Amino acid sequence: MPNLPRLTKLQKRFRRTRKTDFAAADAIVRSAKSIHLFASALMLGAGLLLCLKTGLDSKIVRLVFAGCCLLMGSADLFGYYSNDLFRLAFQFAFTFGSFSLLFGVLLLLAPSHVLALLPCFVGLYVILDGLQKVQLSLECRKFGIGKWPLILGTSVLVTALGVVSVLLFDGSENRFLWMGIAVSADGAENFWTTMYTVRGRSASRTHDAAEK
């Protein structure tokens, strides 16, 4: 067949293109994962800072958490378009990422009389993020991911801490304590769920081979 060599060259070229596309897609997923892990670690650090320095000025707290929200929202939106293999951690990231960006902007523009209610607003943010992770755990169950009960348990815990930070806010000098606990727990949960659920194709093959 005279066209066989040409067909063979086309097949090899197609396979090489597909391999390059997968490599580029995995690189984007790894970048999205790294950015999200950094944002989660920053939120964890900010929460721990609030726990250790409960007498911080409200304006400083506002700027720190606004920065965390802006970075987390940007990471969520970038992750949403990264097309990771399972599309679990970033499945609902467009909505919450947009909310985080808007929330961060509002915190930056918030007038002084709103700052007194900052722990309540942040508690509501943590509650929403915790409920989102509850939904993530249920999706992990559908995918057969074995650690979905652990994701569910930590999500419920983070949601409960957000509720407690709202209910126990009394405007005292320690008004940022429970807020810091809730934020640090939320950052830790975001870190480990991102680490566990976001995978590229090559990472997934390595993980599956290790499990076998």
Protein backbone atom coordinates (compact mmCIF):
# COMPACT_ATOMS: atom_id res chain seq x y z
CA MET A 1 0.00 0.00 0.00
CA PRO A 2 1.67 3.24 -1.13
CA ASN A 3 0.00 5.40 1.53
CA LEU A 4 1.10 3.23 4.46
CA PRO A 5 4.32 5.15 5.28
CA ARG A 6 2.41 8.42 5.21
CA LEU A 7 -0.28 6.98 7.48
CA THR A 8 2.36 5.74 9.91
CA LYS A 9 3.95 9.21 10.06
CA LEU A 10 0.56 10.80 10.73
CA GLN A 11 -0.14 8.33 13.55
CA LYS A 12 3.24 9.03 15.16
CA ARG A 13 2.68 12.77 14.85
CA PHE A 14 -0.76 12.47 16.42
CA ARG A 15 0.56 10.45 19.35
CA ARG A 16 3.37 12.95 19.91
CA THR A 17 0.90 15.85 19.91
CA ARG A 18 -1.39 14.12 22.36
CA LYS A 19 1.54 13.41 24.69
CA THR A 20 2.62 17.05 24.54
CA ASP A 21 -0.94 18.23 25.24
CA PHE A 22 -1.20 15.98 28.30
CA ALA A 23 2.16 17.24 29.57
CA ALA A 24 1.07 20.86 29.16
CA ALA A 25 -2.25 20.15 30.89
CA ASP A 26 -0.48 18.45 33.80
CA ALA A 27 1.85 21.44 34.14
CA ILE A 28 -1.16 23.76 34.44
CA VAL A 29 -2.76 21.48 37.04
CA ARG A 30 0.47 21.39 39.05
CA SER A 31 0.67 25.19 38.94
CA ALA A 32 -2.94 25.53 40.07
CA LYS A 33 -2.32 23.04 42.87
CA SER A 34 0.81 24.85 44.04
CA ILE A 35 -0.93 28.24 44.05
CA HIS A 36 -3.88 26.84 45.99
CA LEU A 37 -1.59 25.13 48.50
CA PHE A 38 0.30 28.40 49.02
CA ALA A 39 -2.96 30.32 49.53
CA SER A 40 -4.18 27.68 51.99
CA ALA A 41 -0.90 27.80 53.93
CA LEU A 42 -1.12 31.59 54.05
CA MET A 43 -4.65 31.37 55.45
CA LEU A 44 -3.48 28.83 58.02
CA GLY A 45 -0.66 31.16 59.06
CA ALA A 46 -3.01 34.13 59.26
CA GLY A 47 -5.36 32.15 61.51
CA LEU A 48 -2.52 31.12 63.80
CA LEU A 49 -1.37 34.74 63.97
CA LEU A 50 -4.84 35.79 65.11
CA CYS A 51 -4.81 33.07 67.78
CA LEU A 52 -1.43 34.15 69.15
CA LYS A 53 -1.91 37.91 68.79
CA THR A 54 -5.50 38.45 69.89
CA GLY A 55 -4.93 42.18 70.51
CA LEU A 56 -4.18 43.06 66.89
CA ASP A 57 -5.70 46.19 65.41
CA SER A 58 -8.88 45.59 63.40
CA LYS A 59 -7.45 47.32 60.34
CA ILE A 60 -4.44 45.00 60.27
CA VAL A 61 -6.68 41.96 60.62
CA ARG A 62 -8.89 43.26 57.84
CA LEU A 63 -5.95 43.77 55.46
CA VAL A 64 -4.45 40.35 56.23
CA PHE A 65 -7.69 38.46 55.70
CA ALA A 66 -8.58 40.53 52.63
CA GLY A 67 -5.25 39.52 51.11
CA CYS A 68 -5.94 35.87 51.92
CA CYS A 69 -9.38 36.07 50.30
CA LEU A 70 -8.02 37.72 47.15
CA LEU A 71 -5.26 35.12 46.81
CA MET A 72 -7.59 32.22 47.57
CA GLY A 73 -10.19 33.49 45.10
CA SER A 74 -7.57 33.86 42.37
CA ALA A 75 -6.27 30.35 43.11
CA ASP A 76 -9.80 28.93 42.93
CA LEU A 77 -10.54 30.56 39.59
CA PHE A 78 -7.20 29.44 38.14
CA GLY A 79 -7.86 25.93 39.44
CA TYR A 80 -11.34 25.90 37.96
CA TYR A 81 -9.90 26.36 34.47
CA SER A 82 -6.94 24.00 35.01
CA ASN A 83 -8.98 20.88 34.11
CA ASP A 84 -7.50 18.55 36.71
CA LEU A 85 -8.16 14.84 36.28
CA PHE A 86 -11.00 14.31 38.79
CA ARG A 87 -12.33 17.90 38.80
CA LEU A 88 -13.24 17.54 42.47
CA ALA A 89 -11.43 20.20 44.46
CA PHE A 90 -12.07 22.83 41.79
CA GLN A 91 -15.49 21.60 40.70
CA PHE A 92 -17.33 24.46 42.42
CA ALA A 93 -14.37 26.83 42.52
CA PHE A 94 -15.81 29.35 40.07
CA THR A 95 -18.64 30.34 42.42
CA PHE A 96 -16.63 30.33 45.63
CA GLY A 97 -13.57 31.84 43.96
CA SER A 98 -15.65 34.74 42.68
CA PHE A 99 -17.18 35.12 46.12
CA SER A 100 -13.73 35.15 47.75
CA LEU A 101 -12.49 37.84 45.38
CA LEU A 102 -15.58 39.97 45.98
CA PHE A 103 -15.35 39.41 49.73
CA GLY A 104 -11.69 40.47 49.73
CA VAL A 105 -12.49 43.65 47.79
CA LEU A 106 -15.35 44.48 50.16
CA LEU A 107 -13.05 44.01 53.14
CA LEU A 108 -10.55 46.42 51.63
CA LEU A 109 -13.27 48.99 51.03
CA ALA A 110 -15.15 48.38 54.29
CA PRO A 111 -15.89 51.50 56.35
CA SER A 112 -14.67 51.69 59.91
CA HIS A 113 -18.04 50.94 61.55
CA VAL A 114 -18.20 47.59 59.74
CA LEU A 115 -14.88 46.38 61.17
CA ALA A 116 -16.49 45.64 64.53
CA LEU A 117 -18.46 42.85 62.82
CA LEU A 118 -15.41 41.43 61.02
CA PRO A 119 -15.29 38.16 63.06
CA CYS A 120 -18.94 37.48 62.16
CA PHE A 121 -18.31 38.07 58.47
CA VAL A 122 -15.22 35.86 58.50
CA GLY A 123 -17.14 33.18 60.41
CA LEU A 124 -19.78 33.18 57.68
CA TYR A 125 -17.02 32.84 55.08
CA VAL A 126 -15.63 29.80 56.91
CA ILE A 127 -19.11 28.28 57.16
CA LEU A 128 -19.64 28.59 53.41
CA ASP A 129 -16.23 27.08 52.67
CA GLY A 130 -16.88 24.23 55.10
CA LEU A 131 -20.23 23.45 53.49
CA GLN A 132 -18.56 23.46 50.10
CA LYS A 133 -16.10 20.86 51.36
CA VAL A 134 -19.01 18.76 52.67
CA GLN A 135 -20.32 18.66 49.12
CA LEU A 136 -16.80 17.82 47.93
CA SER A 137 -16.67 14.83 50.28
CA LEU A 138 -19.94 13.50 48.87
CA GLU A 139 -18.55 13.81 45.35
CA CYS A 140 -15.42 11.96 46.49
CA ARG A 141 -17.66 9.14 47.68
CA LYS A 142 -19.19 8.85 44.20
CA PHE A 143 -15.69 8.63 42.73
CA GLY A 144 -14.78 5.85 45.15
CA ILE A 145 -12.10 7.85 46.97
CA GLY A 146 -11.47 5.99 50.20
CA LYS A 147 -10.77 9.00 52.43
CA TRP A 148 -14.09 10.72 51.80
CA PRO A 149 -15.28 10.13 55.42
CA LEU A 150 -12.21 11.99 56.68
CA ILE A 151 -12.91 14.87 54.29
CA LEU A 152 -16.52 14.90 55.48
CA GLY A 153 -15.49 14.89 59.15
CA THR A 154 -13.03 17.77 58.80
CA SER A 155 -15.56 19.72 56.73
CA VAL A 156 -18.19 19.38 59.42
CA LEU A 157 -15.63 20.41 62.04
CA VAL A 158 -14.63 23.53 60.08
CA THR A 159 -18.30 24.44 59.57
CA ALA A 160 -18.93 24.03 63.29
CA LEU A 161 -15.95 26.24 64.15
CA GLY A 162 -17.32 28.90 61.83
CA VAL A 163 -20.68 28.72 63.60
CA VAL A 164 -18.98 28.95 67.01
CA SER A 165 -16.92 31.97 65.92
CA VAL A 166 -20.15 33.76 65.01
CA LEU A 167 -22.10 32.73 68.10
CA LEU A 168 -19.35 33.47 70.62
CA PHE A 169 -18.42 36.85 69.21
CA ASP A 170 -18.97 39.38 72.01
CA GLY A 171 -16.88 42.35 70.95
CA SER A 172 -14.30 41.80 73.72
CA GLU A 173 -10.54 42.01 73.43
CA ASN A 174 -10.44 38.32 72.51
CA ARG A 175 -12.91 38.80 69.67
CA PHE A 176 -10.39 37.51 67.13
CA LEU A 177 -9.55 34.29 69.00
CA TRP A 178 -12.33 32.08 67.66
CA MET A 179 -12.03 33.77 64.30
CA GLY A 180 -8.36 32.76 64.21
CA ILE A 181 -9.18 29.17 65.19
CA ALA A 182 -11.82 28.91 62.45
CA VAL A 183 -9.57 30.49 59.80
CA SER A 184 -6.57 28.30 60.65
CA ALA A 185 -8.74 25.16 60.55
CA ASP A 186 -10.18 26.24 57.21
CA GLY A 187 -6.72 26.84 55.80
CA ALA A 188 -5.48 23.45 57.02
CA GLU A 189 -8.49 21.68 55.53
CA ASN A 190 -8.07 23.46 52.20
CA PHE A 191 -4.39 22.46 52.16
CA TRP A 192 -4.86 18.75 52.73
CA THR A 193 -7.96 18.36 50.54
CA THR A 194 -6.15 20.11 47.69
CA MET A 195 -3.10 17.91 48.24
CA TYR A 196 -5.19 14.75 48.15
CA THR A 197 -7.86 15.42 45.51
CA VAL A 198 -6.07 17.48 42.83
CA ARG A 199 -4.20 15.18 40.47
CA GLY A 200 -2.83 15.31 36.97
CA ARG A 201 -2.91 12.27 34.74
CA SER A 202 0.70 11.27 35.38
CA ALA A 203 0.28 11.77 39.15
CA SER A 204 -2.85 9.67 39.08
CA ARG A 205 -1.05 6.78 37.37
CA THR A 206 1.74 6.91 39.94
CA HIS A 207 -0.76 7.00 42.81
CA ASP A 208 -2.74 4.07 41.42
CA ALA A 209 0.43 2.03 40.89
CA ALA A 210 1.51 2.71 44.47
CA GLU A 211 -1.89 1.61 45.81
CA LYS A 212 -1.65 -1.66 43.90
